């Protein structure tokens, strides 16, 4: 059987699957606990990585591009 990831939660007494899934007796399970603290810390890490990448892509001396500089307009762009 191939590995599958299932969403679940702990209700204070037992682990409950968020969606039905047919488990057989003696099926092997791996449990990963995602605590709220880990989620917040992970979000902060991803935000820092994104900020760092954007700062490398766009510097303070970037030129301002105006519509009249477009050589070939995209006919599917509606102009927002």
Protein backbone atom coordinates (compact mmCIF):
# COMPACT_ATOMS: atom_id res chain seq x y z
CA UNK A 1 0.00 0.00 0.00
CA UNK A 2 1.29 3.47 -0.87
CA UNK A 3 1.82 6.07 1.84
CA UNK A 4 -0.99 8.58 2.24
CA UNK A 5 -1.29 11.72 4.36
CA UNK A 6 -4.53 12.22 6.26
CA UNK A 7 -5.71 15.32 8.12
CA UNK A 8 -6.73 14.65 11.72
CA UNK A 9 -7.11 16.40 15.06
CA UNK A 10 -7.04 15.53 18.75
CA UNK A 11 -10.30 16.26 20.59
CA UNK A 12 -8.74 15.97 24.04
CA UNK A 13 -9.39 12.24 24.32
CA UNK A 14 -8.58 10.62 20.99
CA UNK A 15 -7.20 11.28 17.51
CA UNK A 16 -9.99 11.75 14.97
CA UNK A 17 -9.60 11.69 11.19
CA UNK A 18 -11.03 14.80 9.53
CA UNK A 19 -12.29 12.75 6.56
CA UNK A 20 -13.39 9.12 6.40
CA UNK A 21 -10.70 6.61 5.51
CA UNK A 22 -10.87 2.82 5.62
CA UNK A 23 -8.18 1.69 8.09
CA UNK A 24 -7.55 -2.01 8.57
CA UNK A 25 -6.58 -3.67 11.86
CA UNK A 26 -2.81 -3.46 12.42
CA UNK A 27 -2.27 -0.78 9.73
CA UNK A 28 0.94 1.05 10.62
CA UNK A 29 0.58 4.78 11.29
CA UNK A 30 3.04 7.65 11.66
CA UNK A 31 1.82 10.63 13.68
CA UNK A 32 3.22 14.15 13.24
CA UNK A 33 1.99 16.71 15.76
CA UNK A 34 1.77 20.28 14.45
CA UNK A 35 1.52 22.51 17.49
CA UNK A 36 0.25 26.07 17.27
CA UNK A 37 3.67 27.34 18.35
CA UNK A 38 5.33 25.44 15.52
CA UNK A 39 2.82 26.82 13.01
CA UNK A 40 3.47 30.42 14.11
CA UNK A 41 7.25 29.93 14.07
CA UNK A 42 7.08 28.29 10.64
CA UNK A 43 4.99 31.19 9.26
CA UNK A 44 7.57 33.66 10.58
CA UNK A 45 10.37 31.69 8.92
CA UNK A 46 8.56 31.63 5.55
CA UNK A 47 7.79 35.36 5.82
CA UNK A 48 11.48 36.10 6.48
CA UNK A 49 12.53 34.01 3.47
CA UNK A 50 9.99 35.77 1.24
CA UNK A 51 11.08 39.21 2.46
CA UNK A 52 14.73 38.38 1.83
CA UNK A 53 13.98 37.13 -1.69
CA UNK A 54 11.89 40.18 -2.56
CA UNK A 55 14.59 42.55 -1.29
CA UNK A 56 17.09 40.87 -3.63
CA UNK A 57 14.67 41.12 -6.57
CA UNK A 58 13.68 44.77 -6.05
CA UNK A 59 16.15 47.40 -4.95
CA UNK A 60 15.58 51.03 -3.98
CA UNK A 61 17.03 52.24 -7.30
CA UNK A 62 14.65 50.26 -9.54
CA UNK A 63 13.47 52.29 -12.54
CA UNK A 64 9.80 53.26 -12.72
CA UNK A 65 8.20 51.57 -15.71
CA UNK A 66 5.42 53.48 -17.44
CA UNK A 67 2.73 52.15 -19.85
CA UNK A 68 4.31 53.94 -22.84
CA UNK A 69 7.42 51.76 -22.42
CA UNK A 70 5.47 48.63 -23.38
CA UNK A 71 6.61 47.36 -26.78
CA UNK A 72 4.07 44.57 -27.23
CA UNK A 73 0.91 44.72 -25.10
CA UNK A 74 -0.76 41.56 -23.89
CA UNK A 75 -4.23 41.52 -25.49
CA UNK A 76 -5.58 39.37 -22.64
CA UNK A 77 -4.54 41.91 -19.95
CA UNK A 78 -7.50 44.05 -18.94
CA UNK A 79 -5.44 46.87 -17.44
CA UNK A 80 -6.17 47.30 -13.77
